[in-house]
N, C-alpha and C. Protein backbone atom coordinates (compact mmCIF):
# COMPACT_ATOMS: atom_id res chain seq x y z
N MET A 1 0.85 -1.22 0.00
CA MET A 1 0.02 -0.03 -0.02
C MET A 1 0.88 1.20 0.00
N PRO A 2 0.72 2.22 -0.95
CA PRO A 2 1.52 3.38 -1.01
C PRO A 2 1.34 4.18 0.29
N SER A 3 2.41 4.85 0.69
CA SER A 3 2.30 5.66 1.98
C SER A 3 1.43 6.85 1.73
N PRO A 4 0.80 7.30 2.78
CA PRO A 4 -0.18 8.41 2.63
C PRO A 4 0.38 9.73 2.04
N ASP A 5 1.65 9.96 2.23
CA ASP A 5 2.19 11.21 1.75
C ASP A 5 2.96 11.12 0.35
N ALA A 6 2.80 9.92 -0.24
CA ALA A 6 3.53 9.67 -1.45
C ALA A 6 3.08 10.63 -2.58
N ARG A 7 1.77 10.92 -2.61
CA ARG A 7 1.20 11.72 -3.67
C ARG A 7 1.81 13.17 -3.50
N ASP A 8 1.90 13.68 -2.28
CA ASP A 8 2.43 15.05 -2.06
C ASP A 8 3.94 15.06 -2.47
N ARG A 9 4.64 13.99 -2.14
CA ARG A 9 6.10 13.96 -2.52
C ARG A 9 6.23 13.96 -3.99
N LEU A 10 5.40 13.25 -4.72
CA LEU A 10 5.47 13.21 -6.14
C LEU A 10 5.18 14.59 -6.75
N LEU A 11 4.15 15.28 -6.23
CA LEU A 11 3.80 16.61 -6.69
C LEU A 11 5.00 17.53 -6.50
N THR A 12 5.54 17.51 -5.30
CA THR A 12 6.70 18.40 -5.03
C THR A 12 7.91 18.08 -5.88
N ALA A 13 8.16 16.78 -6.01
CA ALA A 13 9.36 16.39 -6.87
C ALA A 13 9.16 16.80 -8.33
N ALA A 14 8.02 16.59 -8.86
CA ALA A 14 7.71 16.94 -10.23
C ALA A 14 7.77 18.47 -10.47
N ALA A 15 7.20 19.25 -9.48
CA ALA A 15 7.21 20.68 -9.58
C ALA A 15 8.59 21.21 -9.62
N GLU A 16 9.48 20.74 -8.69
CA GLU A 16 10.91 21.16 -8.61
C GLU A 16 11.66 20.84 -9.85
N LEU A 17 11.48 19.61 -10.38
CA LEU A 17 12.25 19.17 -11.53
C LEU A 17 11.76 19.85 -12.86
N LEU A 18 10.47 20.07 -12.92
CA LEU A 18 9.95 20.71 -14.13
C LEU A 18 10.42 22.19 -14.11
N ASP A 19 10.39 22.82 -12.97
CA ASP A 19 10.83 24.22 -12.89
C ASP A 19 12.31 24.34 -13.27
N ALA A 20 13.16 23.42 -12.77
CA ALA A 20 14.55 23.47 -13.03
C ALA A 20 14.86 23.09 -14.43
N ALA A 21 14.02 22.32 -15.07
CA ALA A 21 14.30 21.86 -16.50
C ALA A 21 14.02 22.96 -17.49
N GLN A 22 13.23 24.02 -17.11
CA GLN A 22 12.99 25.15 -18.05
C GLN A 22 12.51 24.69 -19.41
N GLY A 23 11.58 23.72 -19.43
CA GLY A 23 10.98 23.30 -20.67
C GLY A 23 11.60 21.98 -21.24
N ALA A 24 12.74 21.53 -20.68
CA ALA A 24 13.29 20.32 -21.15
C ALA A 24 12.50 19.14 -20.58
N GLU A 25 12.68 17.92 -21.20
CA GLU A 25 11.97 16.78 -20.78
C GLU A 25 12.39 16.31 -19.42
N VAL A 26 11.53 15.94 -18.55
CA VAL A 26 11.85 15.37 -17.26
C VAL A 26 11.35 13.93 -17.16
N SER A 27 12.23 13.00 -16.86
CA SER A 27 11.87 11.55 -16.94
C SER A 27 11.04 11.15 -15.78
N THR A 28 10.21 10.07 -15.99
CA THR A 28 9.46 9.47 -14.85
C THR A 28 10.43 9.02 -13.84
N ARG A 29 11.58 8.43 -14.26
CA ARG A 29 12.52 7.90 -13.25
C ARG A 29 13.09 9.01 -12.35
N ALA A 30 13.41 10.15 -12.96
CA ALA A 30 13.99 11.24 -12.15
C ALA A 30 12.93 11.67 -11.12
N ILE A 31 11.69 11.69 -11.50
CA ILE A 31 10.61 12.21 -10.58
C ILE A 31 10.45 11.18 -9.46
N THR A 32 10.37 9.92 -9.75
CA THR A 32 10.12 8.92 -8.72
C THR A 32 11.37 8.79 -7.80
N GLU A 33 12.57 8.91 -8.33
CA GLU A 33 13.73 8.87 -7.50
C GLU A 33 13.77 10.01 -6.54
N ARG A 34 13.47 11.20 -7.01
CA ARG A 34 13.43 12.36 -6.12
C ARG A 34 12.39 12.27 -5.10
N ALA A 35 11.24 11.66 -5.46
CA ALA A 35 10.15 11.53 -4.47
C ALA A 35 10.37 10.34 -3.51
N GLY A 36 11.35 9.42 -3.90
CA GLY A 36 11.64 8.29 -3.05
C GLY A 36 10.53 7.18 -3.16
N VAL A 37 9.92 7.08 -4.33
CA VAL A 37 8.94 6.07 -4.55
C VAL A 37 9.26 5.28 -5.83
N GLN A 38 8.49 4.21 -6.02
CA GLN A 38 8.62 3.38 -7.22
C GLN A 38 7.67 3.89 -8.31
N ALA A 39 7.93 3.54 -9.60
CA ALA A 39 7.11 3.97 -10.67
C ALA A 39 5.62 3.59 -10.43
N PRO A 40 5.32 2.34 -10.01
CA PRO A 40 3.91 2.03 -9.77
C PRO A 40 3.15 2.98 -8.89
N THR A 41 3.84 3.58 -7.94
CA THR A 41 3.20 4.54 -7.04
C THR A 41 2.64 5.76 -7.86
N LEU A 42 3.53 6.22 -8.74
CA LEU A 42 3.12 7.36 -9.60
C LEU A 42 1.90 7.00 -10.38
N TYR A 43 1.87 5.83 -10.94
CA TYR A 43 0.69 5.46 -11.75
C TYR A 43 -0.55 5.20 -10.95
N HIS A 44 -0.33 4.77 -9.69
CA HIS A 44 -1.42 4.56 -8.76
C HIS A 44 -2.18 5.94 -8.44
N HIS A 45 -1.39 6.97 -8.29
CA HIS A 45 -1.99 8.27 -7.83
C HIS A 45 -2.37 9.12 -9.10
N PHE A 46 -1.70 8.99 -10.24
CA PHE A 46 -1.96 9.94 -11.29
C PHE A 46 -2.28 9.21 -12.63
N GLY A 47 -2.16 7.94 -12.81
CA GLY A 47 -2.46 7.26 -13.97
C GLY A 47 -1.37 7.28 -15.02
N SER A 48 -0.61 8.43 -15.10
CA SER A 48 0.43 8.47 -16.10
C SER A 48 1.35 9.72 -15.73
N LYS A 49 2.44 9.85 -16.43
CA LYS A 49 3.30 11.00 -16.21
C LYS A 49 2.54 12.23 -16.54
N ARG A 50 1.80 12.22 -17.68
CA ARG A 50 1.02 13.43 -18.06
C ARG A 50 0.03 13.77 -17.02
N GLY A 51 -0.61 12.79 -16.37
CA GLY A 51 -1.55 13.02 -15.36
C GLY A 51 -0.89 13.72 -14.14
N LEU A 52 0.37 13.39 -13.82
CA LEU A 52 1.06 13.99 -12.72
C LEU A 52 1.42 15.49 -13.15
N GLU A 53 1.86 15.67 -14.41
CA GLU A 53 2.16 17.05 -14.85
C GLU A 53 0.87 17.92 -14.78
N ASP A 54 -0.23 17.40 -15.16
CA ASP A 54 -1.49 18.17 -15.09
C ASP A 54 -1.81 18.45 -13.66
N ALA A 55 -1.61 17.50 -12.73
CA ALA A 55 -1.90 17.76 -11.33
C ALA A 55 -0.97 18.88 -10.80
N VAL A 56 0.28 18.87 -11.16
CA VAL A 56 1.24 19.88 -10.69
C VAL A 56 0.75 21.26 -11.19
N VAL A 57 0.47 21.39 -12.52
CA VAL A 57 -0.02 22.64 -13.03
C VAL A 57 -1.33 23.14 -12.36
N THR A 58 -2.26 22.21 -12.21
CA THR A 58 -3.55 22.55 -11.64
C THR A 58 -3.41 23.03 -10.16
N HIS A 59 -2.50 22.32 -9.42
CA HIS A 59 -2.29 22.67 -8.02
C HIS A 59 -1.74 24.14 -7.91
N GLY A 60 -0.71 24.42 -8.70
CA GLY A 60 -0.06 25.72 -8.70
C GLY A 60 -1.00 26.79 -9.18
N PHE A 61 -1.77 26.50 -10.25
CA PHE A 61 -2.58 27.48 -10.90
C PHE A 61 -3.80 27.81 -10.01
N LYS A 62 -4.26 26.85 -9.24
CA LYS A 62 -5.44 27.07 -8.32
C LYS A 62 -4.99 27.95 -7.20
N ARG A 63 -3.75 27.85 -6.78
CA ARG A 63 -3.29 28.78 -5.70
C ARG A 63 -3.22 30.13 -6.26
N PHE A 64 -2.78 30.28 -7.51
CA PHE A 64 -2.78 31.57 -8.17
C PHE A 64 -4.19 32.20 -8.29
N LEU A 65 -5.13 31.29 -8.61
CA LEU A 65 -6.48 31.74 -8.76
C LEU A 65 -7.12 32.24 -7.45
N ALA A 66 -6.71 31.60 -6.33
CA ALA A 66 -7.17 32.02 -5.01
C ALA A 66 -6.61 33.44 -4.70
N ASP A 67 -5.29 33.63 -5.02
CA ASP A 67 -4.74 34.96 -4.86
C ASP A 67 -5.35 36.01 -5.69
N ARG A 68 -5.70 35.66 -6.92
CA ARG A 68 -6.28 36.55 -7.83
C ARG A 68 -7.65 36.93 -7.36
N GLU A 69 -8.44 36.00 -6.91
CA GLU A 69 -9.78 36.30 -6.43
C GLU A 69 -9.76 37.23 -5.29
N ALA A 70 -8.83 36.98 -4.35
CA ALA A 70 -8.71 37.86 -3.19
C ALA A 70 -8.28 39.24 -3.61
N ALA A 71 -7.38 39.39 -4.50
CA ALA A 71 -6.85 40.69 -4.96
C ALA A 71 -8.01 41.47 -5.70
N GLY A 72 -8.88 40.72 -6.36
CA GLY A 72 -9.88 41.35 -7.16
C GLY A 72 -11.17 41.73 -6.43
N SER A 73 -11.27 41.35 -5.13
CA SER A 73 -12.49 41.55 -4.40
C SER A 73 -12.64 42.96 -3.94
N GLY A 74 -13.87 43.57 -4.08
CA GLY A 74 -14.16 44.86 -3.64
C GLY A 74 -13.70 45.95 -4.53
N GLY A 75 -14.19 47.18 -4.29
CA GLY A 75 -13.81 48.31 -5.12
C GLY A 75 -14.41 48.34 -6.53
N ASP A 76 -13.79 49.13 -7.41
CA ASP A 76 -14.31 49.32 -8.77
C ASP A 76 -14.11 47.99 -9.55
N PRO A 77 -15.10 47.46 -10.21
CA PRO A 77 -14.92 46.19 -10.98
C PRO A 77 -13.96 46.30 -12.09
N ILE A 78 -13.82 47.47 -12.72
CA ILE A 78 -12.87 47.59 -13.82
C ILE A 78 -11.40 47.54 -13.25
N GLU A 79 -11.20 48.23 -12.12
CA GLU A 79 -9.85 48.16 -11.49
C GLU A 79 -9.59 46.64 -11.09
N ALA A 80 -10.63 45.89 -10.66
CA ALA A 80 -10.41 44.49 -10.31
C ALA A 80 -9.96 43.71 -11.47
N ILE A 81 -10.56 43.96 -12.66
CA ILE A 81 -10.10 43.26 -13.85
C ILE A 81 -8.64 43.71 -14.22
N ARG A 82 -8.37 44.91 -14.06
CA ARG A 82 -7.00 45.40 -14.35
C ARG A 82 -6.00 44.71 -13.41
N ARG A 83 -6.34 44.62 -12.12
CA ARG A 83 -5.37 43.91 -11.17
C ARG A 83 -5.35 42.43 -11.52
N GLY A 84 -6.52 41.84 -11.87
CA GLY A 84 -6.43 40.40 -12.23
C GLY A 84 -5.57 40.16 -13.50
N TRP A 85 -5.67 41.02 -14.48
CA TRP A 85 -4.83 40.91 -15.67
C TRP A 85 -3.37 40.92 -15.24
N ASP A 86 -3.00 41.85 -14.44
CA ASP A 86 -1.59 41.97 -14.02
C ASP A 86 -1.10 40.76 -13.30
N LEU A 87 -1.96 40.18 -12.42
CA LEU A 87 -1.58 38.98 -11.68
C LEU A 87 -1.43 37.78 -12.64
N HIS A 88 -2.35 37.71 -13.59
CA HIS A 88 -2.22 36.62 -14.60
C HIS A 88 -0.92 36.70 -15.34
N VAL A 89 -0.59 37.89 -15.80
CA VAL A 89 0.64 38.05 -16.58
C VAL A 89 1.86 37.73 -15.78
N ARG A 90 1.84 38.22 -14.49
CA ARG A 90 2.95 38.01 -13.62
C ARG A 90 3.16 36.52 -13.34
N TYR A 91 2.06 35.82 -13.07
CA TYR A 91 2.17 34.40 -12.86
C TYR A 91 2.76 33.65 -14.08
N GLY A 92 2.32 33.95 -15.26
CA GLY A 92 2.86 33.27 -16.45
C GLY A 92 4.26 33.57 -16.67
N VAL A 93 4.71 34.79 -16.49
CA VAL A 93 6.11 35.14 -16.69
C VAL A 93 6.96 34.55 -15.66
N GLU A 94 6.54 34.37 -14.46
CA GLU A 94 7.30 33.87 -13.33
C GLU A 94 7.30 32.31 -13.35
N HIS A 95 6.39 31.73 -14.03
CA HIS A 95 6.24 30.25 -14.09
C HIS A 95 6.09 29.84 -15.56
N PRO A 96 7.05 30.16 -16.41
CA PRO A 96 6.85 29.81 -17.85
C PRO A 96 6.75 28.38 -18.13
N THR A 97 7.44 27.47 -17.37
CA THR A 97 7.33 26.00 -17.68
C THR A 97 5.88 25.58 -17.37
N PHE A 98 5.33 25.97 -16.23
CA PHE A 98 3.98 25.51 -15.90
C PHE A 98 2.95 26.12 -16.89
N TYR A 99 3.13 27.37 -17.22
CA TYR A 99 2.26 28.06 -18.13
C TYR A 99 2.28 27.35 -19.47
N GLY A 100 3.48 27.00 -19.86
CA GLY A 100 3.64 26.26 -21.20
C GLY A 100 2.91 24.89 -21.14
N LEU A 101 2.85 24.24 -19.98
CA LEU A 101 2.23 22.93 -19.88
C LEU A 101 0.70 23.18 -20.00
N ILE A 102 0.25 24.30 -19.54
CA ILE A 102 -1.25 24.60 -19.65
C ILE A 102 -1.64 24.77 -21.13
N TYR A 103 -0.86 25.44 -21.88
CA TYR A 103 -1.25 25.90 -23.16
C TYR A 103 -0.49 25.17 -24.30
N GLY A 104 0.57 24.37 -23.86
CA GLY A 104 1.43 23.84 -24.92
C GLY A 104 0.95 22.54 -25.55
N GLN A 105 -0.03 21.87 -24.84
CA GLN A 105 -0.58 20.56 -25.33
C GLN A 105 -2.11 20.66 -25.42
N VAL A 106 -2.54 21.55 -26.18
CA VAL A 106 -3.97 21.80 -26.32
C VAL A 106 -4.62 20.79 -27.31
N THR A 107 -5.89 20.58 -27.15
CA THR A 107 -6.65 19.70 -28.02
C THR A 107 -7.79 20.59 -28.65
N PRO A 108 -7.90 20.60 -29.99
CA PRO A 108 -8.94 21.44 -30.58
C PRO A 108 -10.34 21.18 -30.01
N GLY A 109 -10.99 22.14 -29.68
CA GLY A 109 -12.41 22.01 -29.17
C GLY A 109 -12.51 21.51 -27.80
N LYS A 110 -11.43 21.35 -27.06
CA LYS A 110 -11.37 20.85 -25.65
C LYS A 110 -10.72 21.86 -24.71
N PRO A 111 -11.42 22.75 -24.09
CA PRO A 111 -10.80 23.79 -23.23
C PRO A 111 -10.14 23.14 -22.02
N CYS A 112 -9.02 23.73 -21.64
CA CYS A 112 -8.40 23.28 -20.37
C CYS A 112 -9.22 23.63 -19.16
N GLY A 113 -9.29 22.75 -18.21
CA GLY A 113 -10.09 22.94 -17.03
C GLY A 113 -9.72 24.19 -16.28
N VAL A 114 -8.40 24.40 -16.00
CA VAL A 114 -8.01 25.54 -15.12
C VAL A 114 -8.31 26.83 -15.99
N VAL A 115 -8.11 26.84 -17.30
CA VAL A 115 -8.42 28.02 -18.07
C VAL A 115 -9.87 28.35 -18.03
N ALA A 116 -10.74 27.34 -17.98
CA ALA A 116 -12.20 27.63 -17.86
C ALA A 116 -12.51 28.23 -16.53
N GLU A 117 -11.73 27.88 -15.49
CA GLU A 117 -11.91 28.51 -14.19
C GLU A 117 -11.57 30.02 -14.23
N VAL A 118 -10.44 30.31 -14.93
CA VAL A 118 -10.04 31.72 -15.04
C VAL A 118 -11.10 32.50 -15.72
N GLU A 119 -11.67 31.99 -16.83
CA GLU A 119 -12.68 32.69 -17.58
C GLU A 119 -13.93 32.88 -16.65
N ALA A 120 -14.29 31.85 -15.87
CA ALA A 120 -15.41 32.03 -14.97
C ALA A 120 -15.14 33.12 -13.92
N MET A 121 -13.86 33.18 -13.45
CA MET A 121 -13.49 34.24 -12.46
C MET A 121 -13.62 35.65 -13.11
N ILE A 122 -13.11 35.79 -14.30
CA ILE A 122 -13.20 37.09 -14.98
C ILE A 122 -14.68 37.44 -15.18
N LEU A 123 -15.52 36.47 -15.54
CA LEU A 123 -16.91 36.73 -15.69
C LEU A 123 -17.54 37.24 -14.40
N ARG A 124 -17.15 36.64 -13.31
CA ARG A 124 -17.77 37.10 -12.00
C ARG A 124 -17.31 38.48 -11.71
N ALA A 125 -16.09 38.76 -11.99
CA ALA A 125 -15.58 40.16 -11.77
C ALA A 125 -16.26 41.21 -12.66
N LEU A 126 -16.68 40.74 -13.85
CA LEU A 126 -17.33 41.66 -14.76
C LEU A 126 -18.83 41.86 -14.49
N GLN A 127 -19.39 41.01 -13.82
CA GLN A 127 -20.89 41.11 -13.60
C GLN A 127 -21.33 42.41 -12.96
N PRO A 128 -20.64 43.01 -12.00
CA PRO A 128 -21.08 44.30 -11.44
C PRO A 128 -20.98 45.40 -12.49
N ALA A 129 -19.88 45.35 -13.33
CA ALA A 129 -19.79 46.40 -14.41
C ALA A 129 -20.93 46.23 -15.40
N ALA A 130 -21.32 44.95 -15.76
CA ALA A 130 -22.44 44.71 -16.70
C ALA A 130 -23.74 45.18 -16.06
N ALA A 131 -23.93 44.99 -14.76
CA ALA A 131 -25.10 45.42 -14.10
C ALA A 131 -25.24 46.91 -14.07
N ALA A 132 -24.13 47.58 -14.00
CA ALA A 132 -24.12 48.99 -13.97
C ALA A 132 -24.13 49.67 -15.34
N GLY A 133 -24.19 48.83 -16.46
CA GLY A 133 -24.29 49.31 -17.76
C GLY A 133 -22.95 49.84 -18.32
N ARG A 134 -21.87 49.32 -17.80
CA ARG A 134 -20.59 49.85 -18.16
C ARG A 134 -19.86 49.08 -19.23
N LEU A 135 -20.46 48.00 -19.75
CA LEU A 135 -19.84 47.20 -20.75
C LEU A 135 -20.50 47.38 -22.12
N ARG A 136 -19.70 47.40 -23.14
CA ARG A 136 -20.10 47.63 -24.44
C ARG A 136 -20.67 46.31 -25.11
N VAL A 137 -20.28 45.20 -24.54
CA VAL A 137 -20.62 43.89 -25.00
C VAL A 137 -21.13 43.03 -23.84
N PRO A 138 -21.74 41.93 -24.13
CA PRO A 138 -22.19 41.05 -23.02
C PRO A 138 -21.03 40.58 -22.19
N ALA A 139 -21.23 40.42 -20.90
CA ALA A 139 -20.13 40.03 -19.95
C ALA A 139 -19.43 38.77 -20.39
N GLU A 140 -20.14 37.77 -20.92
CA GLU A 140 -19.51 36.56 -21.36
C GLU A 140 -18.54 36.84 -22.52
N GLN A 141 -18.92 37.68 -23.42
CA GLN A 141 -17.95 37.97 -24.52
C GLN A 141 -16.73 38.77 -24.01
N ALA A 142 -17.06 39.69 -23.11
CA ALA A 142 -15.94 40.48 -22.49
C ALA A 142 -14.92 39.55 -21.75
N ALA A 143 -15.46 38.58 -21.03
CA ALA A 143 -14.58 37.67 -20.34
C ALA A 143 -13.71 36.84 -21.31
N ARG A 144 -14.30 36.39 -22.38
CA ARG A 144 -13.52 35.65 -23.38
C ARG A 144 -12.42 36.49 -24.03
N GLU A 145 -12.76 37.75 -24.27
CA GLU A 145 -11.77 38.63 -24.93
C GLU A 145 -10.66 38.98 -23.93
N VAL A 146 -11.00 39.23 -22.66
CA VAL A 146 -9.92 39.56 -21.72
C VAL A 146 -9.01 38.37 -21.53
N LEU A 147 -9.60 37.12 -21.40
CA LEU A 147 -8.76 35.93 -21.26
C LEU A 147 -7.90 35.68 -22.45
N ALA A 148 -8.44 35.83 -23.68
CA ALA A 148 -7.69 35.55 -24.91
C ALA A 148 -6.51 36.57 -25.02
N ALA A 149 -6.76 37.83 -24.72
CA ALA A 149 -5.76 38.88 -24.87
C ALA A 149 -4.70 38.69 -23.86
N SER A 150 -5.09 38.44 -22.58
CA SER A 150 -4.01 38.32 -21.49
C SER A 150 -3.25 37.06 -21.74
N THR A 151 -3.81 36.01 -22.21
CA THR A 151 -3.05 34.75 -22.49
C THR A 151 -2.02 35.04 -23.61
N GLY A 152 -2.47 35.67 -24.68
CA GLY A 152 -1.55 36.03 -25.72
C GLY A 152 -0.39 36.86 -25.32
N VAL A 153 -0.69 37.81 -24.41
CA VAL A 153 0.39 38.66 -23.88
C VAL A 153 1.43 37.83 -23.09
N VAL A 154 0.88 36.88 -22.22
CA VAL A 154 1.80 36.06 -21.46
C VAL A 154 2.71 35.22 -22.38
N LEU A 155 2.14 34.60 -23.40
CA LEU A 155 2.93 33.74 -24.29
C LEU A 155 3.96 34.56 -25.02
N THR A 156 3.58 35.78 -25.43
CA THR A 156 4.49 36.68 -26.19
C THR A 156 5.62 37.04 -25.31
N LEU A 157 5.32 37.44 -24.00
CA LEU A 157 6.43 37.84 -23.13
C LEU A 157 7.32 36.70 -22.86
N ILE A 158 6.78 35.48 -22.64
CA ILE A 158 7.62 34.33 -22.39
C ILE A 158 8.53 33.99 -23.59
N THR A 159 7.94 34.04 -24.75
CA THR A 159 8.71 33.54 -25.97
C THR A 159 9.62 34.60 -26.62
N THR A 160 9.31 35.91 -26.35
CA THR A 160 10.13 36.93 -27.01
C THR A 160 10.88 37.79 -25.98
N GLY A 161 10.57 37.74 -24.69
CA GLY A 161 11.22 38.64 -23.77
C GLY A 161 10.89 40.08 -23.97
N ALA A 162 9.70 40.41 -24.57
CA ALA A 162 9.30 41.70 -24.85
C ALA A 162 9.20 42.52 -23.55
N ASP A 163 9.27 43.86 -23.63
CA ASP A 163 9.15 44.71 -22.43
C ASP A 163 7.77 44.51 -21.77
N ALA A 164 7.74 44.52 -20.48
CA ALA A 164 6.54 44.33 -19.68
C ALA A 164 5.46 45.44 -19.99
N SER A 165 5.92 46.61 -20.47
CA SER A 165 4.97 47.64 -20.81
C SER A 165 3.96 47.22 -21.95
N LEU A 166 4.36 46.17 -22.72
CA LEU A 166 3.40 45.70 -23.75
C LEU A 166 2.13 45.23 -23.07
N SER A 167 2.23 44.55 -21.93
CA SER A 167 1.03 44.07 -21.26
C SER A 167 0.17 45.22 -20.86
N GLU A 168 0.75 46.26 -20.32
CA GLU A 168 -0.11 47.40 -19.82
C GLU A 168 -0.76 48.05 -21.03
N ASP A 169 -0.06 48.23 -22.15
CA ASP A 169 -0.67 48.86 -23.30
C ASP A 169 -1.83 48.04 -23.88
N ILE A 170 -1.63 46.69 -23.99
CA ILE A 170 -2.70 45.87 -24.47
C ILE A 170 -3.86 45.81 -23.51
N ARG A 171 -3.57 45.70 -22.19
CA ARG A 171 -4.53 45.74 -21.21
C ARG A 171 -5.50 46.96 -21.32
N ASP A 172 -4.88 48.08 -21.42
CA ASP A 172 -5.67 49.33 -21.41
C ASP A 172 -6.44 49.45 -22.70
N ALA A 173 -5.89 48.96 -23.81
CA ALA A 173 -6.57 49.05 -25.11
C ALA A 173 -7.82 48.07 -25.07
N VAL A 174 -7.65 46.92 -24.51
CA VAL A 174 -8.78 45.97 -24.41
C VAL A 174 -9.87 46.55 -23.54
N LEU A 175 -9.49 47.09 -22.37
CA LEU A 175 -10.52 47.65 -21.51
C LEU A 175 -11.15 48.88 -22.16
N ALA A 176 -10.39 49.69 -22.82
CA ALA A 176 -11.02 50.89 -23.51
C ALA A 176 -12.06 50.45 -24.54
N ARG A 177 -11.86 49.25 -25.19
CA ARG A 177 -12.80 48.78 -26.15
C ARG A 177 -14.06 48.17 -25.52
N LEU A 178 -13.89 47.57 -24.34
CA LEU A 178 -14.95 46.82 -23.70
C LEU A 178 -15.73 47.64 -22.71
N VAL A 179 -15.10 48.65 -22.18
CA VAL A 179 -15.73 49.40 -21.00
C VAL A 179 -16.17 50.77 -21.48
N ILE A 180 -17.38 51.16 -21.03
CA ILE A 180 -17.93 52.49 -21.27
C ILE A 180 -17.46 53.31 -20.04
N ALA A 181 -16.66 54.35 -20.37
CA ALA A 181 -16.13 55.18 -19.29
C ALA A 181 -17.29 55.96 -18.63
N GLU A 182 -17.10 56.30 -17.41
CA GLU A 182 -18.14 57.00 -16.62
C GLU A 182 -18.13 58.47 -17.01
N GLY A 183 -19.22 59.05 -17.40
CA GLY A 183 -19.34 60.47 -17.65
C GLY A 183 -19.04 60.78 -19.12
N PRO A 184 -19.60 61.83 -19.68
CA PRO A 184 -19.41 62.19 -21.13
C PRO A 184 -17.96 62.58 -21.42
N VAL A 185 -17.27 63.24 -20.52
CA VAL A 185 -15.86 63.58 -20.76
C VAL A 185 -14.99 62.34 -20.85
N ALA A 186 -15.23 61.48 -19.87
CA ALA A 186 -14.44 60.23 -19.86
C ALA A 186 -14.73 59.36 -21.11
N GLU A 187 -15.99 59.31 -21.54
CA GLU A 187 -16.30 58.53 -22.70
C GLU A 187 -15.74 59.18 -23.95
N ALA A 188 -15.74 60.49 -24.02
CA ALA A 188 -15.14 61.10 -25.22
C ALA A 188 -13.64 60.87 -25.26
N ALA A 189 -13.01 60.93 -24.06
CA ALA A 189 -11.52 60.71 -23.98
C ALA A 189 -11.26 59.25 -24.47
N ALA A 190 -12.04 58.31 -24.07
CA ALA A 190 -11.85 56.89 -24.41
C ALA A 190 -11.99 56.79 -25.94
N ALA A 191 -13.03 57.39 -26.53
CA ALA A 191 -13.29 57.34 -27.92
C ALA A 191 -12.11 57.92 -28.77
N LEU A 192 -11.61 59.03 -28.24
CA LEU A 192 -10.45 59.67 -28.99
C LEU A 192 -9.19 58.85 -28.86
N ASP A 193 -8.96 58.32 -27.69
CA ASP A 193 -7.78 57.44 -27.50
C ASP A 193 -7.80 56.27 -28.46
N ALA A 194 -9.02 55.74 -28.76
CA ALA A 194 -9.11 54.50 -29.63
C ALA A 194 -8.65 54.79 -31.00
N VAL A 195 -8.71 56.04 -31.42
CA VAL A 195 -8.36 56.37 -32.88
C VAL A 195 -7.06 57.25 -32.98
N LEU A 196 -6.41 57.38 -31.87
CA LEU A 196 -5.35 58.33 -31.80
C LEU A 196 -4.15 58.00 -32.70
N ASP A 197 -4.00 56.68 -32.92
CA ASP A 197 -2.91 56.26 -33.85
C ASP A 197 -3.05 56.72 -35.20
N ASP A 198 -4.19 57.11 -35.64
CA ASP A 198 -4.43 57.61 -37.03
C ASP A 198 -4.10 59.14 -37.10
N ALA A 199 -3.87 59.80 -35.89
CA ALA A 199 -3.61 61.18 -35.93
C ALA A 199 -2.19 61.51 -36.42
N SER A 200 -2.00 62.70 -37.00
CA SER A 200 -0.68 63.11 -37.48
C SER A 200 0.09 63.83 -36.34
N LEU A 201 0.53 62.93 -35.40
CA LEU A 201 1.26 63.44 -34.21
C LEU A 201 2.57 62.77 -34.13
N SER A 202 3.57 63.45 -33.60
CA SER A 202 4.92 62.82 -33.32
C SER A 202 4.77 61.82 -32.20
N PRO A 203 5.73 60.96 -32.04
CA PRO A 203 5.69 59.99 -30.89
C PRO A 203 5.63 60.70 -29.58
N GLY A 204 6.36 61.77 -29.40
CA GLY A 204 6.23 62.54 -28.13
C GLY A 204 4.85 63.12 -27.90
N GLU A 205 4.31 63.67 -28.94
CA GLU A 205 2.95 64.21 -28.88
C GLU A 205 1.90 63.15 -28.52
N LEU A 206 2.11 61.97 -29.13
CA LEU A 206 1.16 60.88 -28.87
C LEU A 206 1.27 60.48 -27.36
N ILE A 207 2.46 60.36 -26.84
CA ILE A 207 2.59 60.00 -25.42
C ILE A 207 1.91 61.04 -24.56
N LEU A 208 2.19 62.32 -24.83
CA LEU A 208 1.57 63.37 -24.03
C LEU A 208 0.04 63.36 -24.15
N MET A 209 -0.48 63.21 -25.34
CA MET A 209 -1.93 63.18 -25.56
C MET A 209 -2.56 62.05 -24.85
N ARG A 210 -1.92 60.84 -24.93
CA ARG A 210 -2.48 59.69 -24.23
C ARG A 210 -2.54 59.89 -22.75
N GLU A 211 -1.46 60.53 -22.17
CA GLU A 211 -1.40 60.73 -20.74
C GLU A 211 -2.61 61.65 -20.34
N TRP A 212 -2.84 62.67 -21.15
CA TRP A 212 -4.00 63.62 -20.83
C TRP A 212 -5.33 62.83 -20.97
N LEU A 213 -5.44 62.07 -22.02
CA LEU A 213 -6.72 61.33 -22.22
C LEU A 213 -6.96 60.31 -21.09
N HIS A 214 -5.90 59.63 -20.61
CA HIS A 214 -6.04 58.67 -19.61
C HIS A 214 -6.45 59.37 -18.29
N ARG A 215 -5.91 60.53 -18.06
CA ARG A 215 -6.28 61.22 -16.80
C ARG A 215 -7.76 61.78 -16.89
N LEU A 216 -8.11 62.19 -18.11
CA LEU A 216 -9.51 62.61 -18.24
C LEU A 216 -10.49 61.49 -18.08
N GLY A 217 -10.02 60.25 -18.56
CA GLY A 217 -10.88 59.10 -18.48
C GLY A 217 -11.05 58.68 -17.05
N LYS A 218 -10.13 58.95 -16.20
CA LYS A 218 -10.20 58.63 -14.78
C LYS A 218 -10.81 59.73 -13.96
N GLY A 219 -11.14 60.89 -14.60
CA GLY A 219 -11.72 61.94 -13.85
C GLY A 219 -10.69 62.85 -13.15
N ALA A 220 -9.42 62.68 -13.50
CA ALA A 220 -8.39 63.47 -12.89
C ALA A 220 -8.17 64.73 -13.63
N PRO A 221 -7.87 65.87 -12.90
CA PRO A 221 -7.59 67.13 -13.59
C PRO A 221 -6.36 67.08 -14.47
N VAL A 222 -6.41 67.71 -15.65
CA VAL A 222 -5.28 67.71 -16.56
C VAL A 222 -4.32 68.81 -16.13
C-alpha cells in the first residue's frame, strides 16, 4: 500500500524538476527517485506522467486563482479586472514552464479545465460592471476577450522577452474597447484614445496626448 504522503512527495518532486528543467523533458525515473517512490506509485496516484504534470499545473494554478480572487474583491470592478490581468501576466512570466504545460498541449475543441476557471472568475468580476451598464458587449464575450488577450500577452512575453509595458498597453486598449467610461468627458476621451494612432502626431505628442486622455478618463484634472 503506498504511503499516505507519497502523492504530495510526487507533486513536489515533479514541480521542482519541471521548474529546473525550463521546458526540457523530465523523466518518470527522475521524478520517482526524487520523491523516493517506485514507478507504480506514480501510476497509482496519477495514472500517467502526463496526469502528474496536469496535477502539478492545476495545483499551482489554483493557488494563483485564489490569490487573484482575493486581490480582485471589492472596489471598482474595472480596477479588479486590471489587477487580475496583471496577476495573470506575472504568474505566467514567473512560471513559464507551468504556463507552457497549460497551453502547450491543447486539443482542438477541448478547453483546459483551469483556463475555464479563469474565464469564470473574470466573468464574475465583470458582472457588477455589466449590471451598472458599463460594458459595451455582453459580460460573457468580454470575459472571453480579456482571457484571450491576456493569454496572448503572457505567451508573447515568455517567448520573446518583450518589455512588460506591452502588457499594460494591450490591457488598457482591451478595456477601452470593452468598457464604457463614466461620464461624457471620460467617454469622449476613451473614444479619442481609440483612434489616436491615426492622428498626425509625433511619438512625443502621442505620449503626451494619451497621458492627458487617460487622466480625463479617470476623472483626474489635466
